[in-house]
Amino acid sequence: MNLTISGHHLEVTPALRTYVEGKLDRITRHFDQVVDVKVLLSIENQTEKERRQKAECNIHVKGNDMFAESAHEDMYAAVDDLVDKLDRQVVKHKDRLQNHHHESPKRLM
């Protein structure tokens, strides 16, 4: 898995980097065919303080590309919300890939 973490109007500290990496491990636990992950952390110049810190992520998995974004007043909370959204998308994608339609034993004869 290729992981790219970049910041816009923000310096990505080692603590923030390890936090994001630790949270993204949850996605690879559910679906191991993740090819590429790009995370963009940014601070917007807005007058309202609640939605200033923004986290965006593009994930390229086998067969699909996924995108999610989250904004919050705290960067760590924005990352938490972002990973929750991505986790739901990955689990939904995994369920689509699995074939749940099994043949009944009566039909096999």
C-alpha atoms as a PDB file:
ATOM      1  CA  MET A   1       0.000   0.000   0.000  1.00  0.00           C
ATOM      2  CA  ASN A   2       1.366   3.386  -1.034  1.00  0.00           C
ATOM      3  CA  LEU A   3       0.484   6.074   1.497  1.00  0.00           C
ATOM      4  CA  THR A   4       0.903   9.783   0.769  1.00  0.00           C
ATOM      5  CA  ILE A   5       0.080  12.336   3.461  1.00  0.00           C
ATOM      6  CA  SER A   6       0.375  16.000   2.533  1.00  0.00           C
ATOM      7  CA  GLY A   7      -0.640  19.274   4.105  1.00  0.00           C
ATOM      8  CA  HIS A   8      -2.025  22.477   2.630  1.00  0.00           C
ATOM      9  CA  HIS A   9      -1.404  25.565   4.799  1.00  0.00           C
ATOM     10  CA  LEU A  10      -0.357  23.063   7.450  1.00  0.00           C
ATOM     11  CA  GLU A  11       2.829  21.310   8.477  1.00  0.00           C
ATOM     12  CA  VAL A  12       2.254  17.579   8.898  1.00  0.00           C
ATOM     13  CA  THR A  13       3.915  16.758  12.208  1.00  0.00           C
ATOM     14  CA  PRO A  14       5.224  13.268  12.992  1.00  0.00           C
ATOM     15  CA  ALA A  15       2.495  12.877  15.639  1.00  0.00           C
ATOM     16  CA  LEU A  16      -0.221  13.722  13.115  1.00  0.00           C
ATOM     17  CA  ARG A  17       1.361  11.405  10.542  1.00  0.00           C
ATOM     18  CA  THR A  18       1.451   8.436  12.941  1.00  0.00           C
ATOM     19  CA  TYR A  19      -2.154   9.166  13.996  1.00  0.00           C
ATOM     20  CA  VAL A  20      -3.367   9.077  10.391  1.00  0.00           C
ATOM     21  CA  GLU A  21      -1.369   5.914   9.655  1.00  0.00           C
ATOM     22  CA  GLY A  22      -2.783   4.209  12.743  1.00  0.00           C
ATOM     23  CA  LYS A  23      -6.347   5.096  11.775  1.00  0.00           C
ATOM     24  CA  LEU A  24      -5.885   3.938   8.171  1.00  0.00           C
ATOM     25  CA  ASP A  25      -4.759   0.516   9.432  1.00  0.00           C
ATOM     26  CA  ARG A  26      -8.432  -0.096  10.204  1.00  0.00           C
ATOM     27  CA  ILE A  27      -9.237   0.058   6.492  1.00  0.00           C
ATOM     28  CA  THR A  28      -6.543  -2.443   5.552  1.00  0.00           C
ATOM     29  CA  ARG A  29      -7.858  -4.745   8.282  1.00  0.00           C
ATOM     30  CA  HIS A  30     -11.214  -4.914   6.498  1.00  0.00           C
ATOM     31  CA  PHE A  31      -9.944  -5.021   2.906  1.00  0.00           C
ATOM     32  CA  ASP A  32      -6.379  -6.011   2.092  1.00  0.00           C
ATOM     33  CA  GLN A  33      -6.396  -5.135  -1.626  1.00  0.00           C
ATOM     34  CA  VAL A  34      -5.740  -1.412  -1.127  1.00  0.00           C
ATOM     35  CA  VAL A  35      -3.329  -0.142  -3.783  1.00  0.00           C
ATOM     36  CA  ASP A  36      -2.887   3.572  -3.105  1.00  0.00           C
ATOM     37  CA  VAL A  37      -3.991   6.051  -0.424  1.00  0.00           C
ATOM     38  CA  LYS A  38      -3.607   9.847  -0.701  1.00  0.00           C
ATOM     39  CA  VAL A  39      -4.516  12.007   2.296  1.00  0.00           C
ATOM     40  CA  LEU A  40      -4.696  15.812   2.147  1.00  0.00           C
ATOM     41  CA  LEU A  41      -4.909  17.739   5.407  1.00  0.00           C
ATOM     42  CA  SER A  42      -5.680  21.446   5.084  1.00  0.00           C
ATOM     43  CA  ILE A  43      -6.739  24.523   6.993  1.00  0.00           C
ATOM     44  CA  GLU A  44      -9.289  26.733   5.260  1.00  0.00           C
ATOM     45  CA  ASN A  45      -9.451  30.492   5.730  1.00  0.00           C
ATOM     46  CA  GLN A  46     -13.063  30.751   6.764  1.00  0.00           C
ATOM     47  CA  THR A  47     -14.757  33.103   9.161  1.00  0.00           C
ATOM     48  CA  GLU A  48     -16.558  30.266  10.927  1.00  0.00           C
ATOM     49  CA  LYS A  49     -14.210  28.318  13.182  1.00  0.00           C
ATOM     50  CA  GLU A  50     -16.172  25.057  13.349  1.00  0.00           C
ATOM     51  CA  ARG A  51     -15.405  23.687   9.880  1.00  0.00           C
ATOM     52  CA  ARG A  52     -11.944  25.124   9.350  1.00  0.00           C
ATOM     53  CA  GLN A  53      -9.738  22.035   9.514  1.00  0.00           C
ATOM     54  CA  LYS A  54     -10.368  19.681   6.629  1.00  0.00           C
ATOM     55  CA  ALA A  55      -9.219  16.148   5.819  1.00  0.00           C
ATOM     56  CA  GLU A  56      -9.650  14.556   2.383  1.00  0.00           C
ATOM     57  CA  CYS A  57      -8.694  11.104   1.194  1.00  0.00           C
ATOM     58  CA  ASN A  58      -8.570   9.251  -2.126  1.00  0.00           C
ATOM     59  CA  ILE A  59      -8.281   5.477  -1.960  1.00  0.00           C
ATOM     60  CA  HIS A  60      -7.563   3.297  -4.963  1.00  0.00           C
ATOM     61  CA  VAL A  61      -8.572  -0.318  -4.331  1.00  0.00           C
ATOM     62  CA  LYS A  62      -8.736  -3.194  -6.734  1.00  0.00           C
ATOM     63  CA  GLY A  63     -11.687  -2.386  -8.959  1.00  0.00           C
ATOM     64  CA  ASN A  64     -12.743   0.979  -7.554  1.00  0.00           C
ATOM     65  CA  ASP A  65     -11.692   4.470  -6.432  1.00  0.00           C
ATOM     66  CA  MET A  66     -13.167   5.995  -3.275  1.00  0.00           C
ATOM     67  CA  PHE A  67     -13.188   9.558  -1.980  1.00  0.00           C
ATOM     68  CA  ALA A  68     -14.225  11.048   1.346  1.00  0.00           C
ATOM     69  CA  GLU A  69     -13.789  14.368   3.072  1.00  0.00           C
ATOM     70  CA  SER A  70     -14.486  15.708   6.512  1.00  0.00           C
ATOM     71  CA  ALA A  71     -14.248  19.114   8.183  1.00  0.00           C
ATOM     72  CA  HIS A  72     -14.125  19.885  11.888  1.00  0.00           C
ATOM     73  CA  GLU A  73     -12.653  22.419  14.276  1.00  0.00           C
ATOM     74  CA  ASP A  74     -10.077  19.827  15.427  1.00  0.00           C
ATOM     75  CA  MET A  75      -7.841  18.030  12.901  1.00  0.00           C
ATOM     76  CA  TYR A  76      -7.829  14.778  14.880  1.00  0.00           C
ATOM     77  CA  ALA A  77     -11.645  14.747  14.969  1.00  0.00           C
ATOM     78  CA  ALA A  78     -11.719  15.425  11.227  1.00  0.00           C
ATOM     79  CA  VAL A  79      -9.416  12.442  10.636  1.00  0.00           C
ATOM     80  CA  ASP A  80     -11.617  10.228  12.846  1.00  0.00           C
ATOM     81  CA  ASP A  81     -14.732  11.194  10.888  1.00  0.00           C
ATOM     82  CA  LEU A  82     -12.896  10.720   7.585  1.00  0.00           C
ATOM     83  CA  VAL A  83     -11.774   7.192   8.476  1.00  0.00           C
ATOM     84  CA  ASP A  84     -15.306   6.286   9.596  1.00  0.00           C
ATOM     85  CA  LYS A  85     -16.677   7.353   6.205  1.00  0.00           C
ATOM     86  CA  LEU A  86     -13.960   5.485   4.316  1.00  0.00           C
ATOM     87  CA  ASP A  87     -14.431   2.372   6.419  1.00  0.00           C
ATOM     88  CA  ARG A  88     -18.124   2.270   5.542  1.00  0.00           C
ATOM     89  CA  GLN A  89     -17.315   2.640   1.844  1.00  0.00           C
ATOM     90  CA  VAL A  90     -14.677  -0.113   1.942  1.00  0.00           C
ATOM     91  CA  VAL A  91     -16.964  -2.567   3.751  1.00  0.00           C
ATOM     92  CA  LYS A  92     -19.753  -1.843   1.260  1.00  0.00           C
ATOM     93  CA  HIS A  93     -17.330  -2.414  -1.646  1.00  0.00           C
ATOM     94  CA  LYS A  94     -16.135  -5.682  -0.107  1.00  0.00           C
ATOM     95  CA  ASP A  95     -19.722  -6.914   0.300  1.00  0.00           C
ATOM     96  CA  ARG A  96     -20.391  -6.174  -3.365  1.00  0.00           C
ATOM     97  CA  LEU A  97     -17.380  -8.230  -4.418  1.00  0.00           C
ATOM     98  CA  GLN A  98     -18.346 -11.295  -2.407  1.00  0.00           C
ATOM     99  CA  ASN A  99     -20.884 -13.601  -3.969  1.00  0.00           C
ATOM    100  CA  HIS A 100     -23.565 -14.407  -1.387  1.00  0.00           C
ATOM    101  CA  HIS A 101     -25.724 -16.455  -3.755  1.00  0.00           C
ATOM    102  CA  HIS A 102     -24.961 -20.096  -3.014  1.00  0.00           C
ATOM    103  CA  GLU A 103     -26.534 -22.967  -4.890  1.00  0.00           C
ATOM    104  CA  SER A 104     -28.785 -25.106  -2.755  1.00  0.00           C
ATOM    105  CA  PRO A 105     -27.898 -28.805  -2.496  1.00  0.00           C
ATOM    106  CA  LYS A 106     -31.153 -29.776  -4.269  1.00  0.00           C
ATOM    107  CA  ARG A 107     -30.191 -27.816  -7.369  1.00  0.00           C
ATOM    108  CA  LEU A 108     -26.751 -29.406  -7.632  1.00  0.00           C
ATOM    109  CA  MET A 109     -28.183 -32.893  -8.400  1.00  0.00           C
END
